[in-house]
Protein backbone atom coordinates (compact mmCIF):
# COMPACT_ATOMS: atom_id res chain seq x y z
CA UNK A 1 -26.25 -6.19 14.20
CA UNK A 2 -29.21 -3.81 14.49
CA UNK A 3 -30.06 -0.94 12.24
CA UNK A 4 -27.69 2.05 12.59
CA UNK A 5 -29.09 4.18 9.79
CA UNK A 6 -32.61 5.06 8.72
CA UNK A 7 -34.09 5.84 5.29
CA UNK A 8 -33.07 9.26 4.01
CA UNK A 9 -35.54 11.97 3.05
CA UNK A 10 -36.05 11.46 -0.66
CA UNK A 11 -38.02 14.74 -0.82
CA UNK A 12 -35.06 16.81 0.35
CA UNK A 13 -34.11 19.81 -1.81
CA UNK A 14 -30.51 18.59 -1.73
CA UNK A 15 -29.15 16.09 -4.30
CA UNK A 16 -29.56 12.50 -3.10
CA UNK A 17 -25.80 11.87 -3.10
CA UNK A 18 -25.33 14.84 -0.77
CA UNK A 19 -28.06 13.65 1.61
CA UNK A 20 -26.54 10.16 1.74
CA UNK A 21 -23.06 11.59 2.30
CA UNK A 22 -24.21 13.85 5.14
CA UNK A 23 -26.17 11.02 6.76
CA UNK A 24 -23.21 8.65 6.71
CA UNK A 25 -20.81 11.37 7.84
CA UNK A 26 -22.98 12.18 10.84
CA UNK A 27 -23.30 8.47 11.68
CA UNK A 28 -19.50 8.13 11.74
CA UNK A 29 -19.00 11.26 13.83
CA UNK A 30 -21.65 10.14 16.33
CA UNK A 31 -20.27 6.61 16.44
CA UNK A 32 -23.34 4.88 14.99
CA UNK A 33 -20.90 3.57 12.41
CA UNK A 34 -18.06 2.58 14.71
CA UNK A 35 -14.30 2.92 14.12
CA UNK A 36 -12.98 -0.19 12.38
CA UNK A 37 -16.42 -1.23 11.12
CA UNK A 38 -16.61 -2.49 7.55
CA UNK A 39 -18.89 -0.48 5.28
CA UNK A 40 -20.97 -2.85 3.18
CA UNK A 41 -22.55 -1.00 0.26
CA UNK A 42 -25.54 -3.34 -0.08
CA UNK A 43 -26.41 -3.22 3.63
CA UNK A 44 -25.99 0.57 3.88
CA UNK A 45 -28.06 1.15 0.73
CA UNK A 46 -30.80 -1.05 2.17
CA UNK A 47 -30.82 0.82 5.50
CA UNK A 48 -30.87 4.22 3.77
CA UNK A 49 -33.50 3.18 1.22
CA UNK A 50 -31.35 4.10 -1.79
CA UNK A 51 -29.35 2.39 -4.52
CA UNK A 52 -25.69 1.47 -4.08
CA UNK A 53 -24.46 4.32 -6.33
CA UNK A 54 -24.90 7.26 -3.89
CA UNK A 55 -23.53 5.06 -1.08
CA UNK A 56 -20.43 4.27 -3.14
CA UNK A 57 -19.99 7.98 -3.94
CA UNK A 58 -20.38 8.88 -0.25
CA UNK A 59 -17.74 6.32 0.77
CA UNK A 60 -15.27 7.80 -1.71
CA UNK A 61 -15.91 11.31 -0.44
CA UNK A 62 -15.61 10.20 3.18
CA UNK A 63 -12.28 8.61 2.31
CA UNK A 64 -11.03 11.99 1.05
CA UNK A 65 -12.04 13.53 4.38
CA UNK A 66 -10.17 10.87 6.32
CA UNK A 67 -13.28 9.33 7.85
CA UNK A 68 -13.09 6.14 5.79
CA UNK A 69 -10.08 3.94 5.03
CA UNK A 70 -9.88 1.76 1.93
CA UNK A 71 -8.00 -1.48 2.54
CA UNK A 72 -6.82 -3.34 -0.59
CA UNK A 73 -8.70 -6.60 -1.22
CA UNK A 74 -10.80 -6.05 1.91
CA UNK A 75 -12.95 -3.00 1.24
CA UNK A 76 -13.98 0.18 3.03
CA UNK A 77 -13.82 0.62 6.79
CA UNK A 78 -14.65 3.44 9.17
CA UNK A 79 -11.26 5.00 9.87
CA UNK A 80 -9.84 4.13 13.25
CA UNK A 81 -7.35 6.28 15.13
CA UNK A 82 -4.37 5.14 17.12
CA UNK A 83 -3.33 7.00 20.26
CA UNK A 84 -0.48 8.44 18.19
CA UNK A 85 -2.92 9.73 15.54
CA UNK A 86 -5.10 11.35 18.20
CA UNK A 87 -2.14 12.96 19.97
CA UNK A 88 -0.78 14.38 16.71
CA UNK A 89 -4.12 15.92 15.75
CA UNK A 90 -4.52 17.54 19.16
CA UNK A 91 -0.92 18.82 19.16
CA UNK A 92 -1.48 20.54 15.83
CA UNK A 93 -4.90 21.83 16.86
CA UNK A 94 -3.55 23.24 20.14
CA UNK A 95 -0.78 25.15 18.37
CA UNK A 96 -3.05 26.50 15.62
CA UNK A 97 -5.95 27.46 17.90
CA UNK A 98 -3.63 29.21 20.33
CA UNK A 99 -2.17 31.17 17.42
CA UNK A 100 -5.66 31.97 16.09
CA UNK A 101 -6.80 33.23 19.50
CA UNK A 102 -3.78 35.51 19.70
CA UNK A 103 -4.43 36.97 16.26
CA UNK A 104 -8.12 37.40 17.10
CA UNK A 105 -7.10 39.62 20.01
CA UNK A 106 -5.42 41.94 17.52
CA UNK A 107 -7.79 41.68 14.57
CA UNK A 108 -11.34 40.83 15.67
CA UNK A 109 -13.90 43.52 14.93
CA UNK A 110 -16.40 44.67 17.55
CA UNK A 111 -19.11 42.81 15.65
CA UNK A 112 -17.09 39.59 15.81
CA UNK A 113 -16.54 40.06 19.52
CA UNK A 114 -20.29 40.44 19.97
CA UNK A 115 -20.85 37.26 17.94
CA UNK A 116 -18.39 35.37 20.14
CA UNK A 117 -20.29 36.46 23.25
CA UNK A 118 -23.60 35.43 21.67
CA UNK A 119 -22.28 31.99 20.66
CA UNK A 120 -20.83 31.38 24.13
CA UNK A 121 -24.16 32.38 25.73
CA UNK A 122 -26.09 30.15 23.31
CA UNK A 123 -24.13 27.10 24.43
CA UNK A 124 -25.04 27.91 28.04
CA UNK A 125 -28.74 28.01 27.10
CA UNK A 126 -28.58 24.72 25.19
CA UNK A 127 -26.73 23.07 28.07
CA UNK A 128 -29.78 23.63 30.27
CA UNK A 129 -31.73 21.28 27.99
CA UNK A 130 -28.79 18.94 27.39
CA UNK A 131 -29.22 19.53 23.65
CA UNK A 132 -25.93 17.84 22.72
CA UNK A 133 -26.38 17.81 18.94
CA UNK A 134 -26.91 21.58 18.74
CA UNK A 135 -24.31 22.21 21.45
CA UNK A 136 -21.70 20.52 19.25
CA UNK A 137 -22.73 22.65 16.27
CA UNK A 138 -22.64 25.93 18.21
CA UNK A 139 -19.34 24.93 19.82
CA UNK A 140 -17.99 24.38 16.31
CA UNK A 141 -19.35 27.78 15.23
CA UNK A 142 -17.68 29.40 18.26
CA UNK A 143 -14.26 28.09 17.29
CA UNK A 144 -14.83 28.90 13.62
CA UNK A 145 -15.58 32.50 14.59
CA UNK A 146 -12.21 32.74 16.35
CA UNK A 147 -10.49 31.27 13.28
CA UNK A 148 -12.15 33.79 10.96
CA UNK A 149 -11.26 36.64 13.31
CA UNK A 150 -7.57 35.80 12.89
CA UNK A 151 -7.71 37.19 9.33
CA UNK A 152 -5.07 34.64 8.31
CA UNK A 153 -6.35 32.64 5.35
CA UNK A 154 -3.59 30.02 5.47
CA UNK A 155 -4.16 29.41 9.17
CA UNK A 156 -7.90 29.07 8.53
CA UNK A 157 -7.19 26.55 5.74
CA UNK A 158 -4.91 24.49 7.99
CA UNK A 159 -7.64 24.30 10.63
CA UNK A 160 -10.18 23.49 7.93
CA UNK A 161 -8.06 20.49 6.91
CA UNK A 162 -8.47 19.15 10.45
CA UNK A 163 -12.19 19.95 10.65
CA UNK A 164 -13.58 16.41 10.34
CA UNK A 165 -11.14 14.89 12.83
CA UNK A 166 -11.77 17.76 15.27
CA UNK A 167 -15.54 17.40 14.90
CA UNK A 168 -15.37 13.67 15.52
CA UNK A 169 -13.25 14.13 18.64
CA UNK A 170 -15.40 17.04 19.85
CA UNK A 171 -18.53 14.86 19.82
CA UNK A 172 -16.93 12.26 22.08
CA UNK A 173 -15.29 14.82 24.36
CA UNK A 174 -18.41 16.92 24.99
CA UNK A 175 -20.48 13.81 25.70
CA UNK A 176 -18.14 12.82 28.54
CA UNK A 177 -19.50 13.45 32.07
CA UNK A 178 -18.55 16.88 33.38
CA UNK A 179 -16.80 18.02 30.21
CA UNK A 180 -19.62 20.26 28.99
CA UNK A 181 -19.62 22.39 32.14
CA UNK A 182 -15.83 22.74 31.99
CA UNK A 183 -16.09 23.72 28.31
CA UNK A 184 -18.60 26.45 29.11
CA UNK A 185 -16.27 27.93 31.73
CA UNK A 186 -13.28 27.70 29.38
CA UNK A 187 -15.23 29.45 26.61
CA UNK A 188 -16.20 32.23 29.01
CA UNK A 189 -12.60 32.86 30.01
CA UNK A 190 -11.39 32.75 26.41
CA UNK A 191 -14.03 35.24 25.24
CA UNK A 192 -13.14 37.63 28.05
CA UNK A 193 -9.44 37.45 27.17
CA UNK A 194 -10.10 38.14 23.47
CA UNK A 195 -12.52 40.99 24.25
CA UNK A 196 -9.87 42.53 26.51
CA UNK A 197 -7.29 42.08 23.72
CA UNK A 198 -5.11 40.16 26.16
CA UNK A 199 -3.06 38.11 23.72
CA UNK A 200 -0.86 36.10 26.15
CA UNK A 201 -3.89 35.09 28.23
CA UNK A 202 -6.03 34.21 25.19
CA UNK A 203 -3.26 32.05 23.76
CA UNK A 204 -2.76 30.24 27.06
CA UNK A 205 -6.49 29.63 27.59
CA UNK A 206 -6.95 28.38 24.01
CA UNK A 207 -4.03 25.99 24.50
CA UNK A 208 -5.39 24.71 27.82
CA UNK A 209 -8.88 24.29 26.33
CA UNK A 210 -7.58 21.96 23.61
CA UNK A 211 -5.31 20.08 26.03
CA UNK A 212 -8.24 19.48 28.39
CA UNK A 213 -10.35 18.17 25.51
CA UNK A 214 -7.49 15.84 24.54
CA UNK A 215 -7.21 14.46 28.08
CA UNK A 216 -10.93 13.70 28.20
CA UNK A 217 -10.94 12.12 24.74
CA UNK A 218 -7.96 9.87 25.47
CA UNK A 219 -9.54 8.86 28.76
CA UNK A 220 -12.72 7.80 26.94
CA UNK A 221 -10.69 5.80 24.40
CA UNK A 222 -8.77 3.98 27.13
CA UNK A 223 -12.00 3.17 28.98
CA UNK A 224 -13.56 1.80 25.77
CA UNK A 225 -10.50 -0.36 25.10
CA UNK A 226 -10.58 -1.77 28.64
CA UNK A 227 -14.30 -2.51 28.29
CA UNK A 228 -13.59 -4.58 25.18
CA UNK A 229 -11.02 -6.62 27.10
CA UNK A 230 -13.51 -7.59 29.82
């Protein structure tokens, strides 16, 4: 197996354990560390150019976020998701994001509406350069802005609890052919509905947006499974 990770920046202003954690987290989300792959502390430490201690700490933290699974007597593995797991996450996300969009129609300030427009436009600009890494981040910021505009702290916390799973799925979904363009159009419609304070439309569009992302993600999973069988 080739190298998946590269030495971390030891001159970073962040604590080493945080740099190692963020590096491994990003590798899992991007798929460099694949679902079901065993995480060997010695090998990872060697690739990252650090000792085993920050790697061990990162694995424990990733387990708390649901990105790593600890299997008794076998060790740590990148968490895999069954079709049932994926469907459940998307069902919850669809319900919560639809609710958040509806509340945003009622409660978003004019400044927040402007920020939503700016974020949606920024994704369009990045799409021209196919800057997927930053597109994913701005897409995340776009949804986070809608959550915050709901002014419902418990709803925001529920969505926060799903953040890592959503981010992992979002990376795969947006990388699928044609999905980015559809996402841009869906964002545009959702922003317009929220700006117009059209709650029923915003809720429906938010629901459809998540359902479309789910369809694309499941399609990519099925294709990957079939490829393994060949």
